[in-house]
Amino acid sequence: MVEEKVILVNEKDEQIGLMEKIEAHKKALLHRAFSVFVVNDKNEIMLQQRALEKYHSPGLWTNTCCSHQREGETNIEAGKRRLMEEMGFKTDLKELFHFIYIAPFDNGLTEHEFDHVMVGSYNGEPDLNPHEVAAWKWMTAIEIKNDMERQPEIYTEWFKIIFDKYYKHIS
């Protein structure tokens, strides 16, 4: 298996290096990432439940997909690639905003990401990759906000941060 590298960046999102993904997460180094929100015609957001075999945050609910850009790949290209790899469909994406966040995990890893948040539109059912995604569902933004307040433990740490920014952006 090819070692996956992340793009290390400074606070202006300028590339300063490459590093193996797990090492960057162990050292909590700032790296480029993206988060995709797919919305249907009813203004519902497609959520995914992470596969139980994932090395962190298994079984937790999160946005439609998220990952890391590869060297030479645009944010949109990366988002479309990962959407197909995880959720099994294609759609156009548009970047909404970006920001930096830090989310530590119980297993000693930390997400420290310069996150590019994108949105796309889709009305069909996904064709899930079972190694990535256990389940999916549609929820409105207000349903997610209320559910997150009631049971925050079922959502990924980064989704709680990103969703708050997304909700303020769409409100």
C-alpha atoms as a PDB file:
ATOM      1  CA  MET A   1       0.000   0.000   0.000  1.00  0.00           C
ATOM      2  CA  VAL A   2       1.267   3.470  -0.923  1.00  0.00           C
ATOM      3  CA  GLU A   3       1.986   5.722   2.033  1.00  0.00           C
ATOM      4  CA  GLU A   4      -0.462   8.610   2.001  1.00  0.00           C
ATOM      5  CA  LYS A   5       1.085  12.044   2.417  1.00  0.00           C
ATOM      6  CA  VAL A   6      -0.535  15.299   3.475  1.00  0.00           C
ATOM      7  CA  ILE A   7       0.465  18.775   2.333  1.00  0.00           C
ATOM      8  CA  LEU A   8       1.967  20.753   5.203  1.00  0.00           C
ATOM      9  CA  VAL A   9       1.027  24.433   4.988  1.00  0.00           C
ATOM     10  CA  ASN A  10       1.550  27.691   6.823  1.00  0.00           C
ATOM     11  CA  GLU A  11      -1.303  29.870   8.073  1.00  0.00           C
ATOM     12  CA  LYS A  12      -1.632  31.418   4.588  1.00  0.00           C
ATOM     13  CA  ASP A  13      -2.214  27.934   3.065  1.00  0.00           C
ATOM     14  CA  GLU A  14       1.182  28.043   1.335  1.00  0.00           C
ATOM     15  CA  GLN A  15       2.780  24.604   0.945  1.00  0.00           C
ATOM     16  CA  ILE A  16       5.841  24.141   3.142  1.00  0.00           C
ATOM     17  CA  GLY A  17       6.323  20.390   2.771  1.00  0.00           C
ATOM     18  CA  LEU A  18       4.870  16.891   2.592  1.00  0.00           C
ATOM     19  CA  MET A  19       4.575  14.359   5.399  1.00  0.00           C
ATOM     20  CA  GLU A  20       3.145  10.904   5.904  1.00  0.00           C
ATOM     21  CA  LYS A  21      -0.442  11.332   7.121  1.00  0.00           C
ATOM     22  CA  ILE A  22      -0.179   9.516  10.471  1.00  0.00           C
ATOM     23  CA  GLU A  23       3.082  11.277  11.357  1.00  0.00           C
ATOM     24  CA  ALA A  24       1.505  14.693  10.660  1.00  0.00           C
ATOM     25  CA  HIS A  25      -1.438  13.761  12.900  1.00  0.00           C
ATOM     26  CA  LYS A  26       0.876  12.497  15.666  1.00  0.00           C
ATOM     27  CA  LYS A  27       2.850  15.766  15.555  1.00  0.00           C
ATOM     28  CA  ALA A  28      -0.318  17.914  15.180  1.00  0.00           C
ATOM     29  CA  LEU A  29       1.225  19.790  12.229  1.00  0.00           C
ATOM     30  CA  LEU A  30      -0.915  22.163  10.160  1.00  0.00           C
ATOM     31  CA  HIS A  31      -1.880  20.556   6.855  1.00  0.00           C
ATOM     32  CA  ARG A  32      -4.327  21.136   4.023  1.00  0.00           C
ATOM     33  CA  ALA A  33      -7.686  19.371   4.130  1.00  0.00           C
ATOM     34  CA  PHE A  34     -11.211  19.671   2.783  1.00  0.00           C
ATOM     35  CA  SER A  35     -14.749  19.018   3.944  1.00  0.00           C
ATOM     36  CA  VAL A  36     -17.673  18.434   1.574  1.00  0.00           C
ATOM     37  CA  PHE A  37     -21.338  19.094   2.343  1.00  0.00           C
ATOM     38  CA  VAL A  38     -23.771  17.638  -0.196  1.00  0.00           C
ATOM     39  CA  VAL A  39     -27.273  19.104  -0.097  1.00  0.00           C
ATOM     40  CA  ASN A  40     -30.423  17.888  -1.859  1.00  0.00           C
ATOM     41  CA  ASP A  41     -33.352  19.872  -3.320  1.00  0.00           C
ATOM     42  CA  LYS A  42     -35.127  19.691   0.080  1.00  0.00           C
ATOM     43  CA  ASN A  43     -32.142  21.522   1.618  1.00  0.00           C
ATOM     44  CA  GLU A  44     -31.130  18.411   3.564  1.00  0.00           C
ATOM     45  CA  ILE A  45     -27.464  17.588   4.142  1.00  0.00           C
ATOM     46  CA  MET A  46     -26.151  14.088   3.388  1.00  0.00           C
ATOM     47  CA  LEU A  47     -24.339  12.741   6.443  1.00  0.00           C
ATOM     48  CA  GLN A  48     -22.144   9.677   6.612  1.00  0.00           C
ATOM     49  CA  GLN A  49     -21.418   7.351   9.489  1.00  0.00           C
ATOM     50  CA  ARG A  50     -17.731   6.458   9.429  1.00  0.00           C
ATOM     51  CA  ALA A  51     -16.918   2.767   8.944  1.00  0.00           C
ATOM     52  CA  LEU A  52     -16.271   0.813  12.124  1.00  0.00           C
ATOM     53  CA  GLU A  53     -12.804  -0.162  10.863  1.00  0.00           C
ATOM     54  CA  LYS A  54     -11.532   3.459  10.621  1.00  0.00           C
ATOM     55  CA  TYR A  55      -8.403   4.153  12.708  1.00  0.00           C
ATOM     56  CA  HIS A  56     -10.032   7.114  14.449  1.00  0.00           C
ATOM     57  CA  SER A  57     -13.623   8.197  15.079  1.00  0.00           C
ATOM     58  CA  PRO A  58     -15.115   4.874  13.874  1.00  0.00           C
ATOM     59  CA  GLY A  59     -18.907   4.725  13.795  1.00  0.00           C
ATOM     60  CA  LEU A  60     -19.359   8.462  14.336  1.00  0.00           C
ATOM     61  CA  TRP A  61     -21.523  10.681  12.123  1.00  0.00           C
ATOM     62  CA  THR A  62     -19.929  13.426  10.050  1.00  0.00           C
ATOM     63  CA  ASN A  63     -20.345  15.540   6.911  1.00  0.00           C
ATOM     64  CA  THR A  64     -20.720  13.933   3.474  1.00  0.00           C
ATOM     65  CA  CYS A  65     -16.987  13.420   3.079  1.00  0.00           C
ATOM     66  CA  CYS A  66     -13.663  14.906   4.021  1.00  0.00           C
ATOM     67  CA  SER A  67     -10.025  14.110   3.457  1.00  0.00           C
ATOM     68  CA  HIS A  68      -6.723  15.584   2.316  1.00  0.00           C
ATOM     69  CA  GLN A  69      -5.630  17.001  -1.012  1.00  0.00           C
ATOM     70  CA  ARG A  70      -2.815  15.272  -2.846  1.00  0.00           C
ATOM     71  CA  GLU A  71       0.161  17.242  -4.114  1.00  0.00           C
ATOM     72  CA  GLY A  72      -0.767  19.010  -7.361  1.00  0.00           C
ATOM     73  CA  GLU A  73      -4.506  18.475  -6.849  1.00  0.00           C
ATOM     74  CA  THR A  74      -6.921  21.420  -6.551  1.00  0.00           C
ATOM     75  CA  ASN A  75      -9.382  21.554  -3.675  1.00  0.00           C
ATOM     76  CA  ILE A  76     -12.297  20.850  -6.028  1.00  0.00           C
ATOM     77  CA  GLU A  77     -10.488  17.927  -7.718  1.00  0.00           C
ATOM     78  CA  ALA A  78      -9.718  16.441  -4.294  1.00  0.00           C
ATOM     79  CA  GLY A  79     -13.300  16.849  -3.113  1.00  0.00           C
ATOM     80  CA  LYS A  80     -14.712  15.188  -6.232  1.00  0.00           C
ATOM     81  CA  ARG A  81     -12.178  12.331  -6.007  1.00  0.00           C
ATOM     82  CA  ARG A  82     -12.948  11.581  -2.386  1.00  0.00           C
ATOM     83  CA  LEU A  83     -16.705  11.907  -2.846  1.00  0.00           C
ATOM     84  CA  MET A  84     -16.495   9.168  -5.485  1.00  0.00           C
ATOM     85  CA  GLU A  85     -14.135   6.999  -3.360  1.00  0.00           C
ATOM     86  CA  GLU A  86     -16.295   7.202  -0.218  1.00  0.00           C
ATOM     87  CA  MET A  87     -19.858   7.837  -1.384  1.00  0.00           C
ATOM     88  CA  GLY A  88     -19.771   6.511  -4.966  1.00  0.00           C
ATOM     89  CA  PHE A  89     -21.165   9.490  -6.872  1.00  0.00           C
ATOM     90  CA  LYS A  90     -20.050  12.643  -8.687  1.00  0.00           C
ATOM     91  CA  THR A  91     -21.348  16.186  -8.435  1.00  0.00           C
ATOM     92  CA  ASP A  92     -20.063  19.686  -9.017  1.00  0.00           C
ATOM     93  CA  LEU A  93     -18.555  21.367  -5.971  1.00  0.00           C
ATOM     94  CA  LYS A  94     -18.087  24.992  -4.997  1.00  0.00           C
ATOM     95  CA  GLU A  95     -15.762  26.237  -2.278  1.00  0.00           C
ATOM     96  CA  LEU A  96     -17.627  28.230   0.398  1.00  0.00           C
ATOM     97  CA  PHE A  97     -14.917  29.236   2.860  1.00  0.00           C
ATOM     98  CA  HIS A  98     -11.788  28.033   4.635  1.00  0.00           C
ATOM     99  CA  PHE A  99     -10.472  28.183   8.184  1.00  0.00           C
ATOM    100  CA  ILE A 100      -7.955  26.574  10.540  1.00  0.00           C
ATOM    101  CA  TYR A 101      -8.970  24.253  13.363  1.00  0.00           C
ATOM    102  CA  ILE A 102      -7.436  21.818  15.859  1.00  0.00           C
ATOM    103  CA  ALA A 103      -9.232  18.672  17.074  1.00  0.00           C
ATOM    104  CA  PRO A 104      -7.352  16.202  19.332  1.00  0.00           C
ATOM    105  CA  PHE A 105      -8.446  12.553  19.564  1.00  0.00           C
ATOM    106  CA  ASP A 106      -8.297  10.036  22.414  1.00  0.00           C
ATOM    107  CA  ASN A 107      -5.800   7.897  20.459  1.00  0.00           C
ATOM    108  CA  GLY A 108      -3.038  10.548  20.573  1.00  0.00           C
ATOM    109  CA  LEU A 109      -3.634  11.880  17.062  1.00  0.00           C
ATOM    110  CA  THR A 110      -4.630  15.487  16.355  1.00  0.00           C
ATOM    111  CA  GLU A 111      -6.280  17.069  13.343  1.00  0.00           C
ATOM    112  CA  HIS A 112      -4.676  20.490  12.768  1.00  0.00           C
ATOM    113  CA  GLU A 113      -6.082  21.487   9.439  1.00  0.00           C
ATOM    114  CA  PHE A 114      -6.381  24.352   7.031  1.00  0.00           C
ATOM    115  CA  ASP A 115      -9.823  23.198   5.932  1.00  0.00           C
ATOM    116  CA  HIS A 116     -11.462  24.135   2.629  1.00  0.00           C
ATOM    117  CA  VAL A 117     -15.239  23.717   3.010  1.00  0.00           C
ATOM    118  CA  MET A 118     -17.129  22.899  -0.188  1.00  0.00           C
ATOM    119  CA  VAL A 119     -20.749  22.308  -1.088  1.00  0.00           C
ATOM    120  CA  GLY A 120     -22.404  20.303  -3.832  1.00  0.00           C
ATOM    121  CA  SER A 121     -25.916  19.278  -4.850  1.00  0.00           C
ATOM    122  CA  TYR A 122     -27.206  15.722  -5.280  1.00  0.00           C
ATOM    123  CA  ASN A 123     -30.600  14.025  -4.967  1.00  0.00           C
ATOM    124  CA  GLY A 124     -29.806  10.349  -5.448  1.00  0.00           C
ATOM    125  CA  GLU A 125     -28.641   7.574  -3.166  1.00  0.00           C
ATOM    126  CA  PRO A 126     -24.925   7.030  -2.633  1.00  0.00           C
ATOM    127  CA  ASP A 127     -23.087   3.804  -3.492  1.00  0.00           C
ATOM    128  CA  LEU A 128     -21.122   3.476  -0.244  1.00  0.00           C
ATOM    129  CA  ASN A 129     -17.578   2.152   0.039  1.00  0.00           C
ATOM    130  CA  PRO A 130     -17.990  -0.145   3.095  1.00  0.00           C
ATOM    131  CA  HIS A 131     -14.324   0.347   4.087  1.00  0.00           C
ATOM    132  CA  GLU A 132     -15.022   4.068   4.495  1.00  0.00           C
ATOM    133  CA  VAL A 133     -18.714   4.464   5.302  1.00  0.00           C
ATOM    134  CA  ALA A 134     -21.080   2.361   7.453  1.00  0.00           C
ATOM    135  CA  ALA A 135     -24.328   4.272   6.756  1.00  0.00           C
ATOM    136  CA  TRP A 136     -25.766   7.543   5.493  1.00  0.00           C
ATOM    137  CA  LYS A 137     -28.812   9.751   5.986  1.00  0.00           C
ATOM    138  CA  TRP A 138     -30.316  13.107   5.057  1.00  0.00           C
ATOM    139  CA  MET A 139     -30.872  15.734   7.785  1.00  0.00           C
ATOM    140  CA  THR A 140     -31.705  19.431   7.690  1.00  0.00           C
ATOM    141  CA  ALA A 141     -29.203  21.853   9.203  1.00  0.00           C
ATOM    142  CA  ILE A 142     -31.521  22.620  12.129  1.00  0.00           C
ATOM    143  CA  GLU A 143     -32.050  18.879  12.775  1.00  0.00           C
ATOM    144  CA  ILE A 144     -28.273  18.390  12.857  1.00  0.00           C
ATOM    145  CA  LYS A 145     -27.786  21.411  15.143  1.00  0.00           C
ATOM    146  CA  ASN A 146     -30.448  20.160  17.590  1.00  0.00           C
ATOM    147  CA  ASP A 147     -29.220  16.548  17.496  1.00  0.00           C
ATOM    148  CA  MET A 148     -25.626  17.686  18.066  1.00  0.00           C
ATOM    149  CA  GLU A 149     -26.760  19.521  21.192  1.00  0.00           C
ATOM    150  CA  ARG A 150     -28.650  16.439  22.461  1.00  0.00           C
ATOM    151  CA  GLN A 151     -26.030  13.817  21.677  1.00  0.00           C
ATOM    152  CA  PRO A 152     -22.654  15.354  20.726  1.00  0.00           C
ATOM    153  CA  GLU A 153     -20.859  12.057  21.366  1.00  0.00           C
ATOM    154  CA  ILE A 154     -22.222  10.505  18.134  1.00  0.00           C
ATOM    155  CA  TYR A 155     -20.531  13.147  15.913  1.00  0.00           C
ATOM    156  CA  THR A 156     -16.880  13.523  14.919  1.00  0.00           C
ATOM    157  CA  GLU A 157     -14.945  16.259  16.683  1.00  0.00           C
ATOM    158  CA  TRP A 158     -14.115  18.048  13.433  1.00  0.00           C
ATOM    159  CA  PHE A 159     -17.717  17.924  12.222  1.00  0.00           C
ATOM    160  CA  LYS A 160     -18.888  19.741  15.358  1.00  0.00           C
ATOM    161  CA  ILE A 161     -16.390  22.527  14.590  1.00  0.00           C
ATOM    162  CA  ILE A 162     -16.979  22.626  10.835  1.00  0.00           C
ATOM    163  CA  PHE A 163     -20.763  22.393  11.114  1.00  0.00           C
ATOM    164  CA  ASP A 164     -20.873  25.415  13.429  1.00  0.00           C
ATOM    165  CA  LYS A 165     -18.965  27.463  10.810  1.00  0.00           C
ATOM    166  CA  TYR A 166     -21.126  26.055   7.984  1.00  0.00           C
ATOM    167  CA  TYR A 167     -24.355  26.783   9.880  1.00  0.00           C
ATOM    168  CA  LYS A 168     -23.317  30.402  10.478  1.00  0.00           C
ATOM    169  CA  HIS A 169     -22.381  30.672   6.779  1.00  0.00           C
ATOM    170  CA  ILE A 170     -25.791  29.454   5.537  1.00  0.00           C
ATOM    171  CA  SER A 171     -27.872  31.254   8.194  1.00  0.00           C
END
